[in-house]
Amino acid sequence: MELMMMRETISKENIRERVRDIVLNDFDDDPSEIKDDTLFVDDLGADWIDLSELAVELSDEFDFDIEEDEINKLVSIEKATDYIYEKQRKCREHLAIKLPKILEIRKQNKARG
């Protein structure tokens, strides 16, 4: 798992705003027409390439990978926000489990010289 979430937890609202900014930048539609539940494929005419590019941009923005088989979860601003928020939660949970072990190993390695 990524260590991206060592930083502060990003609020769901902040995630939504950042996702919305990226979507508005990617799609030339009138911003007032794009709602949180607007579907990228059905309503905005996005194709697989558009969704793949969106996944790359979201990965860059939030500093973690979106696997190819997870791109289909990015169907709207609302669903993309939920996906990123949940991914953040899982990363933090994973880090909370792994970090003490990592620190203990480092401590042992330092003690060995």
C-alpha atoms as a PDB file:
ATOM      1  CA  MET A   1       0.000   0.000   0.000  1.00  0.00           C
ATOM      2  CA  GLU A   2       1.061   3.527  -0.594  1.00  0.00           C
ATOM      3  CA  LEU A   3       2.426   5.747   2.127  1.00  0.00           C
ATOM      4  CA  MET A   4       0.629   8.765   0.674  1.00  0.00           C
ATOM      5  CA  MET A   5      -1.617   9.065   3.661  1.00  0.00           C
ATOM      6  CA  MET A   6       1.171   9.849   6.091  1.00  0.00           C
ATOM      7  CA  ARG A   7       0.039  13.395   5.456  1.00  0.00           C
ATOM      8  CA  GLU A   8      -3.130  14.769   6.938  1.00  0.00           C
ATOM      9  CA  THR A   9      -6.414  13.057   6.260  1.00  0.00           C
ATOM     10  CA  ILE A  10      -8.199  14.877   3.477  1.00  0.00           C
ATOM     11  CA  SER A  11     -11.834  15.650   4.221  1.00  0.00           C
ATOM     12  CA  LYS A  12     -14.479  14.195   1.952  1.00  0.00           C
ATOM     13  CA  GLU A  13     -15.577  17.700   0.981  1.00  0.00           C
ATOM     14  CA  ASN A  14     -12.027  18.667   0.041  1.00  0.00           C
ATOM     15  CA  ILE A  15     -11.699  15.504  -2.025  1.00  0.00           C
ATOM     16  CA  ARG A  16     -14.991  16.287  -3.778  1.00  0.00           C
ATOM     17  CA  GLU A  17     -13.850  19.818  -4.617  1.00  0.00           C
ATOM     18  CA  ARG A  18     -10.529  18.602  -6.010  1.00  0.00           C
ATOM     19  CA  VAL A  19     -12.229  15.835  -8.041  1.00  0.00           C
ATOM     20  CA  ARG A  20     -14.740  18.365  -9.364  1.00  0.00           C
ATOM     21  CA  ASP A  21     -11.952  20.750 -10.406  1.00  0.00           C
ATOM     22  CA  ILE A  22     -10.221  17.971 -12.345  1.00  0.00           C
ATOM     23  CA  VAL A  23     -13.469  16.854 -14.002  1.00  0.00           C
ATOM     24  CA  LEU A  24     -14.357  20.425 -14.979  1.00  0.00           C
ATOM     25  CA  ASN A  25     -10.894  20.827 -16.476  1.00  0.00           C
ATOM     26  CA  ASP A  26     -11.181  17.557 -18.428  1.00  0.00           C
ATOM     27  CA  PHE A  27     -14.690  17.974 -19.819  1.00  0.00           C
ATOM     28  CA  ASP A  28     -15.689  21.001 -21.841  1.00  0.00           C
ATOM     29  CA  ASP A  29     -19.284  20.994 -20.648  1.00  0.00           C
ATOM     30  CA  ASP A  30     -20.863  23.944 -18.879  1.00  0.00           C
ATOM     31  CA  PRO A  31     -19.753  23.693 -15.217  1.00  0.00           C
ATOM     32  CA  SER A  32     -23.303  24.361 -14.044  1.00  0.00           C
ATOM     33  CA  GLU A  33     -24.389  21.250 -15.981  1.00  0.00           C
ATOM     34  CA  ILE A  34     -21.966  18.947 -14.162  1.00  0.00           C
ATOM     35  CA  LYS A  35     -23.423  17.799 -10.855  1.00  0.00           C
ATOM     36  CA  ASP A  36     -21.966  15.351  -8.364  1.00  0.00           C
ATOM     37  CA  ASP A  37     -24.129  12.563  -9.788  1.00  0.00           C
ATOM     38  CA  THR A  38     -23.507  13.391 -13.471  1.00  0.00           C
ATOM     39  CA  LEU A  39     -22.265  10.185 -15.100  1.00  0.00           C
ATOM     40  CA  PHE A  40     -19.009  10.568 -16.988  1.00  0.00           C
ATOM     41  CA  VAL A  41     -19.879   8.032 -19.695  1.00  0.00           C
ATOM     42  CA  ASP A  42     -23.657   8.338 -20.050  1.00  0.00           C
ATOM     43  CA  ASP A  43     -24.008  12.096 -19.485  1.00  0.00           C
ATOM     44  CA  LEU A  44     -20.653  13.514 -20.591  1.00  0.00           C
ATOM     45  CA  GLY A  45     -19.781  11.004 -23.323  1.00  0.00           C
ATOM     46  CA  ALA A  46     -16.515   9.866 -21.763  1.00  0.00           C
ATOM     47  CA  ASP A  47     -14.864   6.767 -23.197  1.00  0.00           C
ATOM     48  CA  TRP A  48     -12.272   4.369 -21.744  1.00  0.00           C
ATOM     49  CA  ILE A  49      -9.414   6.690 -22.703  1.00  0.00           C
ATOM     50  CA  ASP A  50     -11.097   9.638 -20.963  1.00  0.00           C
ATOM     51  CA  LEU A  51     -11.619   7.560 -17.823  1.00  0.00           C
ATOM     52  CA  SER A  52      -8.042   6.301 -17.938  1.00  0.00           C
ATOM     53  CA  GLU A  53      -6.742   9.872 -18.202  1.00  0.00           C
ATOM     54  CA  LEU A  54      -9.010  10.907 -15.335  1.00  0.00           C
ATOM     55  CA  ALA A  55      -7.619   8.029 -13.247  1.00  0.00           C
ATOM     56  CA  VAL A  56      -4.063   9.201 -13.944  1.00  0.00           C
ATOM     57  CA  GLU A  57      -4.923  12.767 -12.948  1.00  0.00           C
ATOM     58  CA  LEU A  58      -6.642  11.621  -9.757  1.00  0.00           C
ATOM     59  CA  SER A  59      -3.670   9.368  -8.982  1.00  0.00           C
ATOM     60  CA  ASP A  60      -1.326  12.328  -9.363  1.00  0.00           C
ATOM     61  CA  GLU A  61      -3.569  14.637  -7.342  1.00  0.00           C
ATOM     62  CA  PHE A  62      -4.032  12.253  -4.420  1.00  0.00           C
ATOM     63  CA  ASP A  63      -0.657  10.483  -4.659  1.00  0.00           C
ATOM     64  CA  PHE A  64      -1.755   6.864  -5.048  1.00  0.00           C
ATOM     65  CA  ASP A  65      -2.328   4.380  -7.839  1.00  0.00           C
ATOM     66  CA  ILE A  66      -5.707   3.560  -9.298  1.00  0.00           C
ATOM     67  CA  GLU A  67      -5.493   0.082 -10.763  1.00  0.00           C
ATOM     68  CA  GLU A  68      -6.911  -0.499 -14.225  1.00  0.00           C
ATOM     69  CA  ASP A  69      -9.597  -2.814 -12.867  1.00  0.00           C
ATOM     70  CA  GLU A  70     -10.743  -0.063 -10.473  1.00  0.00           C
ATOM     71  CA  ILE A  71     -11.244   2.635 -13.119  1.00  0.00           C
ATOM     72  CA  ASN A  72     -14.839   1.494 -13.585  1.00  0.00           C
ATOM     73  CA  LYS A  73     -15.547   2.808 -10.063  1.00  0.00           C
ATOM     74  CA  LEU A  74     -14.950   6.363 -11.303  1.00  0.00           C
ATOM     75  CA  VAL A  75     -18.401   6.899 -12.805  1.00  0.00           C
ATOM     76  CA  SER A  76     -19.246  10.321 -11.353  1.00  0.00           C
ATOM     77  CA  ILE A  77     -17.804  12.986  -9.074  1.00  0.00           C
ATOM     78  CA  GLU A  78     -19.755  11.459  -6.201  1.00  0.00           C
ATOM     79  CA  LYS A  79     -18.514   7.911  -6.826  1.00  0.00           C
ATOM     80  CA  ALA A  80     -14.932   9.041  -7.481  1.00  0.00           C
ATOM     81  CA  THR A  81     -15.007  11.000  -4.208  1.00  0.00           C
ATOM     82  CA  ASP A  82     -16.304   7.965  -2.326  1.00  0.00           C
ATOM     83  CA  TYR A  83     -13.636   5.774  -3.941  1.00  0.00           C
ATOM     84  CA  ILE A  84     -10.788   8.146  -3.022  1.00  0.00           C
ATOM     85  CA  TYR A  85     -12.090   8.697   0.508  1.00  0.00           C
ATOM     86  CA  GLU A  86     -12.313   4.932   1.066  1.00  0.00           C
ATOM     87  CA  LYS A  87      -8.858   4.383  -0.457  1.00  0.00           C
ATOM     88  CA  GLN A  88      -7.500   7.012   1.930  1.00  0.00           C
ATOM     89  CA  ARG A  89      -9.143   5.252   4.877  1.00  0.00           C
ATOM     90  CA  LYS A  90      -7.675   1.892   3.865  1.00  0.00           C
ATOM     91  CA  CYS A  91      -4.213   3.413   3.406  1.00  0.00           C
ATOM     92  CA  ARG A  92      -4.344   4.970   6.869  1.00  0.00           C
ATOM     93  CA  GLU A  93      -5.553   1.702   8.373  1.00  0.00           C
ATOM     94  CA  HIS A  94      -2.792  -0.217   6.620  1.00  0.00           C
ATOM     95  CA  LEU A  95      -0.202   2.310   7.717  1.00  0.00           C
ATOM     96  CA  ALA A  96      -1.390   2.144  11.325  1.00  0.00           C
ATOM     97  CA  ILE A  97      -0.757  -1.606  11.247  1.00  0.00           C
ATOM     98  CA  LYS A  98       2.553  -1.539   9.351  1.00  0.00           C
ATOM     99  CA  LEU A  99       4.271   1.562  10.703  1.00  0.00           C
ATOM    100  CA  PRO A 100       4.998   0.214  14.212  1.00  0.00           C
ATOM    101  CA  LYS A 101       6.537  -2.904  12.658  1.00  0.00           C
ATOM    102  CA  ILE A 102       8.658  -0.819  10.294  1.00  0.00           C
ATOM    103  CA  LEU A 103       9.857   1.397  13.131  1.00  0.00           C
ATOM    104  CA  GLU A 104      10.726  -1.642  15.245  1.00  0.00           C
ATOM    105  CA  ILE A 105      12.774  -3.153  12.405  1.00  0.00           C
ATOM    106  CA  ARG A 106      14.630   0.138  11.931  1.00  0.00           C
ATOM    107  CA  LYS A 107      15.318   0.310  15.669  1.00  0.00           C
ATOM    108  CA  GLN A 108      16.685  -3.248  15.632  1.00  0.00           C
ATOM    109  CA  ASN A 109      18.859  -2.504  12.597  1.00  0.00           C
ATOM    110  CA  LYS A 110      20.321   0.582  14.283  1.00  0.00           C
ATOM    111  CA  ALA A 111      21.053  -1.430  17.421  1.00  0.00           C
ATOM    112  CA  ARG A 112      22.983  -3.965  15.324  1.00  0.00           C
ATOM    113  CA  GLY A 113      25.170  -1.236  13.981  1.00  0.00           C
END
